Amino acid sequence: QVQLVESGGGLVQPGGSLRLSCAASGLTFRSYAMSWYRQAPGKERELVAGVTSAGGGTNYGDSVKGRFTISRDNAKNTAYLQMNNLKPEDTAVYYCKASLRSPSMNYWGKGTLVTVSL
């Protein structure tokens, strides 16, 4: 079955960096667009960043533009989220999502917690 496993979360000080990874299995990874979402306590899940199946196109939420970079390695079936200049408001559970347009299919990982604090 399809599995998306996030890793790389943890506690980091403001201004620090983390790189999240999302390892995929059970699907044809290169056919899926990949994206990262996050959900902070008491808030709705929001899109952080997305990358097209071939990696040629990316998009970002306004709050992370210029600080976060999404990428993917189709040979390793893995998507990444490089997070720089982290702020306390970036604290959230980060989820990766694999999306296929036709037929419409979406898969989610279980999330990894990122805490930005002194």
N, C-alpha and C. Protein backbone atom coordinates (compact mmCIF):
# COMPACT_ATOMS: atom_id res chain seq x y z
N GLN A 1 0.83 -1.18 0.00
CA GLN A 1 0.00 0.00 0.00
C GLN A 1 0.88 1.25 0.00
N VAL A 2 0.25 2.38 -0.28
CA VAL A 2 0.98 3.64 -0.35
C VAL A 2 1.36 4.08 1.05
N GLN A 3 2.62 4.49 1.17
CA GLN A 3 3.10 5.06 2.44
C GLN A 3 3.90 6.31 2.15
N LEU A 4 3.63 7.34 2.91
CA LEU A 4 4.42 8.56 2.92
C LEU A 4 4.92 8.75 4.34
N VAL A 5 6.23 8.81 4.49
CA VAL A 5 6.81 8.89 5.84
C VAL A 5 7.66 10.15 5.94
N GLU A 6 7.22 11.08 6.76
CA GLU A 6 7.97 12.31 6.98
C GLU A 6 9.02 12.11 8.07
N SER A 7 10.11 12.84 7.94
CA SER A 7 11.15 12.83 8.95
C SER A 7 11.88 14.16 8.93
N GLY A 8 12.67 14.41 9.98
CA GLY A 8 13.48 15.62 10.01
C GLY A 8 12.96 16.72 10.92
N GLY A 9 11.80 16.52 11.50
CA GLY A 9 11.27 17.53 12.41
C GLY A 9 12.03 17.54 13.73
N GLY A 10 11.74 18.54 14.54
CA GLY A 10 12.38 18.64 15.83
C GLY A 10 12.29 20.04 16.40
N LEU A 11 13.09 20.28 17.41
CA LEU A 11 13.14 21.58 18.07
C LEU A 11 14.31 22.39 17.52
N VAL A 12 14.04 23.62 17.14
CA VAL A 12 15.08 24.49 16.60
C VAL A 12 14.85 25.90 17.11
N GLN A 13 15.92 26.64 17.27
CA GLN A 13 15.81 28.03 17.74
C GLN A 13 15.40 28.94 16.59
N PRO A 14 14.78 30.06 16.91
CA PRO A 14 14.46 31.03 15.86
C PRO A 14 15.71 31.40 15.06
N GLY A 15 15.53 31.50 13.75
CA GLY A 15 16.65 31.77 12.86
C GLY A 15 17.36 30.53 12.38
N GLY A 16 17.04 29.39 12.94
CA GLY A 16 17.68 28.15 12.55
C GLY A 16 17.08 27.53 11.31
N SER A 17 17.61 26.35 10.96
CA SER A 17 17.18 25.64 9.75
C SER A 17 16.87 24.18 10.06
N LEU A 18 15.99 23.63 9.27
CA LEU A 18 15.69 22.20 9.29
C LEU A 18 15.42 21.77 7.86
N ARG A 19 15.67 20.49 7.59
CA ARG A 19 15.27 19.92 6.31
C ARG A 19 14.37 18.72 6.59
N LEU A 20 13.16 18.80 6.08
CA LEU A 20 12.22 17.70 6.19
C LEU A 20 12.32 16.81 4.97
N SER A 21 12.10 15.53 5.17
CA SER A 21 12.08 14.56 4.08
C SER A 21 10.75 13.81 4.10
N CYS A 22 10.31 13.43 2.93
CA CYS A 22 9.10 12.63 2.78
C CYS A 22 9.44 11.47 1.86
N ALA A 23 9.56 10.29 2.44
CA ALA A 23 9.89 9.09 1.68
C ALA A 23 8.61 8.38 1.26
N ALA A 24 8.46 8.14 -0.04
CA ALA A 24 7.25 7.54 -0.57
C ALA A 24 7.50 6.11 -1.03
N SER A 25 6.50 5.27 -0.86
CA SER A 25 6.56 3.90 -1.36
C SER A 25 5.15 3.46 -1.76
N GLY A 26 5.10 2.47 -2.64
CA GLY A 26 3.81 1.93 -3.05
C GLY A 26 3.10 2.72 -4.12
N LEU A 27 3.77 3.69 -4.72
CA LEU A 27 3.19 4.45 -5.81
C LEU A 27 4.27 4.80 -6.82
N THR A 28 3.84 5.22 -8.01
CA THR A 28 4.77 5.65 -9.04
C THR A 28 5.10 7.10 -8.75
N PHE A 29 6.13 7.30 -7.95
CA PHE A 29 6.43 8.60 -7.37
C PHE A 29 6.54 9.69 -8.43
N ARG A 30 7.17 9.40 -9.53
CA ARG A 30 7.44 10.43 -10.54
C ARG A 30 6.17 10.95 -11.20
N SER A 31 5.05 10.25 -10.99
CA SER A 31 3.78 10.67 -11.59
C SER A 31 3.00 11.64 -10.69
N TYR A 32 3.43 11.78 -9.46
CA TYR A 32 2.67 12.53 -8.47
C TYR A 32 3.29 13.89 -8.20
N ALA A 33 2.44 14.91 -8.14
CA ALA A 33 2.86 16.18 -7.57
C ALA A 33 2.99 15.98 -6.06
N MET A 34 3.96 16.67 -5.48
CA MET A 34 4.18 16.56 -4.04
C MET A 34 4.01 17.93 -3.39
N SER A 35 3.49 17.92 -2.20
CA SER A 35 3.33 19.19 -1.50
C SER A 35 3.51 18.98 0.00
N TRP A 36 3.80 20.07 0.66
CA TRP A 36 3.92 20.10 2.11
C TRP A 36 2.83 21.02 2.66
N TYR A 37 2.17 20.55 3.69
CA TYR A 37 1.18 21.33 4.42
C TYR A 37 1.61 21.38 5.88
N ARG A 38 1.04 22.30 6.61
CA ARG A 38 1.29 22.34 8.04
C ARG A 38 0.01 22.71 8.79
N GLN A 39 -0.04 22.28 10.03
CA GLN A 39 -1.18 22.59 10.87
C GLN A 39 -0.69 22.92 12.27
N ALA A 40 -0.92 24.16 12.67
CA ALA A 40 -0.57 24.60 14.01
C ALA A 40 -1.76 24.36 14.94
N PRO A 41 -1.51 24.28 16.24
CA PRO A 41 -2.61 24.04 17.18
C PRO A 41 -3.70 25.10 17.04
N GLY A 42 -4.93 24.63 16.92
CA GLY A 42 -6.05 25.54 16.83
C GLY A 42 -6.25 26.20 15.49
N LYS A 43 -5.45 25.81 14.50
CA LYS A 43 -5.54 26.43 13.17
C LYS A 43 -5.83 25.38 12.11
N GLU A 44 -6.29 25.86 10.95
CA GLU A 44 -6.56 24.95 9.86
C GLU A 44 -5.24 24.55 9.17
N ARG A 45 -5.28 23.41 8.52
CA ARG A 45 -4.12 22.98 7.74
C ARG A 45 -3.94 23.93 6.57
N GLU A 46 -2.70 24.32 6.30
CA GLU A 46 -2.43 25.25 5.22
C GLU A 46 -1.31 24.72 4.32
N LEU A 47 -1.40 25.13 3.06
CA LEU A 47 -0.36 24.76 2.10
C LEU A 47 0.92 25.53 2.39
N VAL A 48 2.03 24.82 2.44
CA VAL A 48 3.34 25.44 2.61
C VAL A 48 4.04 25.57 1.27
N ALA A 49 4.11 24.46 0.52
CA ALA A 49 4.83 24.46 -0.75
C ALA A 49 4.41 23.26 -1.57
N GLY A 50 4.53 23.39 -2.89
CA GLY A 50 4.22 22.30 -3.79
C GLY A 50 5.23 22.22 -4.92
N VAL A 51 5.39 21.03 -5.48
CA VAL A 51 6.29 20.84 -6.61
C VAL A 51 5.62 19.88 -7.59
N THR A 52 5.78 20.16 -8.88
CA THR A 52 5.18 19.33 -9.90
C THR A 52 5.87 17.97 -9.98
N SER A 53 5.27 17.06 -10.72
CA SER A 53 5.76 15.68 -10.76
C SER A 53 7.20 15.60 -11.28
N ALA A 54 7.53 16.41 -12.26
CA ALA A 54 8.89 16.38 -12.82
C ALA A 54 9.83 17.34 -12.09
N GLY A 55 9.28 18.12 -11.20
CA GLY A 55 10.11 19.03 -10.42
C GLY A 55 10.35 20.38 -11.06
N GLY A 56 9.69 20.64 -12.20
CA GLY A 56 9.97 21.88 -12.90
C GLY A 56 9.20 23.08 -12.41
N GLY A 57 8.18 22.86 -11.61
CA GLY A 57 7.38 23.97 -11.13
C GLY A 57 7.16 23.88 -9.63
N THR A 58 7.24 25.03 -8.97
CA THR A 58 7.03 25.07 -7.53
C THR A 58 6.10 26.22 -7.17
N ASN A 59 5.46 26.12 -6.04
CA ASN A 59 4.68 27.22 -5.51
C ASN A 59 4.79 27.20 -3.99
N TYR A 60 4.60 28.39 -3.39
CA TYR A 60 4.81 28.54 -1.96
C TYR A 60 3.71 29.39 -1.33
N GLY A 61 3.43 29.10 -0.06
CA GLY A 61 2.56 29.98 0.69
C GLY A 61 3.26 31.30 0.95
N ASP A 62 2.49 32.36 1.06
CA ASP A 62 3.08 33.69 1.21
C ASP A 62 3.98 33.79 2.44
N SER A 63 3.62 33.10 3.50
CA SER A 63 4.36 33.25 4.75
C SER A 63 5.74 32.59 4.73
N VAL A 64 6.00 31.75 3.72
CA VAL A 64 7.29 31.04 3.70
C VAL A 64 8.13 31.39 2.48
N LYS A 65 7.60 32.21 1.58
CA LYS A 65 8.35 32.56 0.38
C LYS A 65 9.68 33.21 0.75
N GLY A 66 10.74 32.76 0.09
CA GLY A 66 12.06 33.30 0.35
C GLY A 66 12.79 32.62 1.50
N ARG A 67 12.07 31.79 2.26
CA ARG A 67 12.71 31.09 3.40
C ARG A 67 12.71 29.58 3.22
N PHE A 68 11.68 29.04 2.59
CA PHE A 68 11.55 27.59 2.41
C PHE A 68 11.77 27.23 0.94
N THR A 69 12.31 26.04 0.72
CA THR A 69 12.50 25.54 -0.64
C THR A 69 12.05 24.08 -0.70
N ILE A 70 11.17 23.80 -1.64
CA ILE A 70 10.72 22.43 -1.85
C ILE A 70 11.51 21.83 -3.01
N SER A 71 11.82 20.55 -2.89
CA SER A 71 12.51 19.86 -3.98
C SER A 71 12.12 18.38 -3.92
N ARG A 72 12.57 17.65 -4.93
CA ARG A 72 12.27 16.21 -4.97
C ARG A 72 13.38 15.50 -5.70
N ASP A 73 13.55 14.23 -5.36
CA ASP A 73 14.50 13.37 -6.04
C ASP A 73 13.70 12.14 -6.49
N ASN A 74 13.34 12.10 -7.74
CA ASN A 74 12.51 11.00 -8.24
C ASN A 74 13.25 9.67 -8.23
N ALA A 75 14.56 9.69 -8.26
CA ALA A 75 15.34 8.46 -8.18
C ALA A 75 15.29 7.85 -6.78
N LYS A 76 15.05 8.70 -5.79
CA LYS A 76 15.00 8.23 -4.40
C LYS A 76 13.57 8.19 -3.85
N ASN A 77 12.60 8.54 -4.70
CA ASN A 77 11.20 8.57 -4.24
C ASN A 77 11.02 9.43 -2.99
N THR A 78 11.67 10.57 -2.98
CA THR A 78 11.68 11.41 -1.78
C THR A 78 11.47 12.88 -2.15
N ALA A 79 10.66 13.54 -1.35
CA ALA A 79 10.49 14.98 -1.45
C ALA A 79 11.10 15.63 -0.21
N TYR A 80 11.52 16.88 -0.38
CA TYR A 80 12.21 17.58 0.70
C TYR A 80 11.60 18.96 0.90
N LEU A 81 11.78 19.46 2.11
CA LEU A 81 11.43 20.84 2.40
C LEU A 81 12.57 21.42 3.23
N GLN A 82 13.35 22.30 2.60
CA GLN A 82 14.42 23.00 3.30
C GLN A 82 13.82 24.26 3.91
N MET A 83 13.96 24.39 5.22
CA MET A 83 13.37 25.52 5.94
C MET A 83 14.49 26.32 6.59
N ASN A 84 14.62 27.56 6.18
CA ASN A 84 15.64 28.46 6.72
C ASN A 84 14.98 29.62 7.44
N ASN A 85 15.77 30.28 8.28
CA ASN A 85 15.29 31.45 9.02
C ASN A 85 13.94 31.16 9.69
N LEU A 86 13.90 30.07 10.42
CA LEU A 86 12.65 29.66 11.03
C LEU A 86 12.19 30.63 12.09
N LYS A 87 10.88 30.77 12.19
CA LYS A 87 10.25 31.68 13.14
C LYS A 87 9.33 30.90 14.07
N PRO A 88 9.04 31.42 15.24
CA PRO A 88 8.13 30.71 16.16
C PRO A 88 6.79 30.39 15.50
N GLU A 89 6.33 31.25 14.62
CA GLU A 89 5.04 31.00 13.95
C GLU A 89 5.10 29.87 12.93
N ASP A 90 6.29 29.34 12.67
CA ASP A 90 6.41 28.16 11.82
C ASP A 90 6.16 26.86 12.59
N THR A 91 6.01 26.97 13.90
CA THR A 91 5.73 25.80 14.72
C THR A 91 4.43 25.14 14.29
N ALA A 92 4.51 23.85 13.95
CA ALA A 92 3.34 23.13 13.45
C ALA A 92 3.72 21.67 13.20
N VAL A 93 2.72 20.87 12.94
CA VAL A 93 2.95 19.54 12.39
C VAL A 93 2.97 19.69 10.88
N TYR A 94 4.01 19.17 10.26
CA TYR A 94 4.18 19.28 8.82
C TYR A 94 3.85 17.94 8.17
N TYR A 95 3.01 18.00 7.15
CA TYR A 95 2.54 16.81 6.44
C TYR A 95 2.96 16.87 4.98
N CYS A 96 3.31 15.74 4.41
CA CYS A 96 3.50 15.71 2.97
C CYS A 96 2.29 15.03 2.32
N LYS A 97 2.06 15.41 1.10
CA LYS A 97 0.91 14.95 0.34
C LYS A 97 1.35 14.62 -1.07
N ALA A 98 0.89 13.50 -1.58
CA ALA A 98 1.12 13.11 -2.96
C ALA A 98 -0.20 13.21 -3.71
N SER A 99 -0.18 13.85 -4.86
CA SER A 99 -1.42 14.11 -5.60
C SER A 99 -1.29 13.69 -7.04
N LEU A 100 -2.32 12.99 -7.53
CA LEU A 100 -2.42 12.62 -8.94
C LEU A 100 -3.68 13.27 -9.47
N ARG A 101 -3.57 13.90 -10.65
CA ARG A 101 -4.70 14.65 -11.19
C ARG A 101 -5.74 13.72 -11.82
N SER A 102 -5.29 12.74 -12.62
CA SER A 102 -6.24 11.89 -13.31
C SER A 102 -5.75 10.45 -13.35
N PRO A 103 -6.43 9.54 -12.68
CA PRO A 103 -7.59 9.80 -11.82
C PRO A 103 -7.17 10.56 -10.57
N SER A 104 -8.14 11.25 -9.98
CA SER A 104 -7.84 12.06 -8.80
C SER A 104 -7.53 11.17 -7.60
N MET A 105 -6.30 11.29 -7.10
CA MET A 105 -5.90 10.51 -5.95
C MET A 105 -4.98 11.36 -5.08
N ASN A 106 -5.19 11.26 -3.78
CA ASN A 106 -4.38 12.00 -2.83
C ASN A 106 -3.98 11.09 -1.67
N TYR A 107 -2.73 11.19 -1.29
CA TYR A 107 -2.23 10.43 -0.15
C TYR A 107 -1.51 11.38 0.80
N TRP A 108 -1.66 11.09 2.10
CA TRP A 108 -1.05 11.92 3.14
C TRP A 108 -0.14 11.10 4.04
N GLY A 109 0.93 11.75 4.50
CA GLY A 109 1.73 11.17 5.54
C GLY A 109 1.13 11.47 6.90
N LYS A 110 1.77 10.96 7.94
CA LYS A 110 1.24 11.14 9.30
C LYS A 110 1.77 12.39 9.98
N GLY A 111 2.77 13.01 9.37
CA GLY A 111 3.26 14.28 9.89
C GLY A 111 4.50 14.18 10.75
N THR A 112 5.21 15.30 10.81
CA THR A 112 6.37 15.43 11.68
C THR A 112 6.29 16.80 12.35
N LEU A 113 6.59 16.84 13.64
CA LEU A 113 6.43 18.07 14.41
C LEU A 113 7.68 18.94 14.32
N VAL A 114 7.45 20.20 14.01
CA VAL A 114 8.51 21.22 14.01
C VAL A 114 8.16 22.24 15.09
N THR A 115 9.09 22.44 16.00
CA THR A 115 8.90 23.42 17.07
C THR A 115 10.03 24.44 17.00
N VAL A 116 9.66 25.71 16.87
CA VAL A 116 10.64 26.78 16.80
C VAL A 116 10.52 27.59 18.09
N SER A 117 11.53 27.49 18.92
CA SER A 117 11.46 28.13 20.24
C SER A 117 12.86 28.28 20.81
N LEU A 118 12.99 29.25 21.72
CA LEU A 118 14.27 29.44 22.40
C LEU A 118 14.49 28.33 23.41
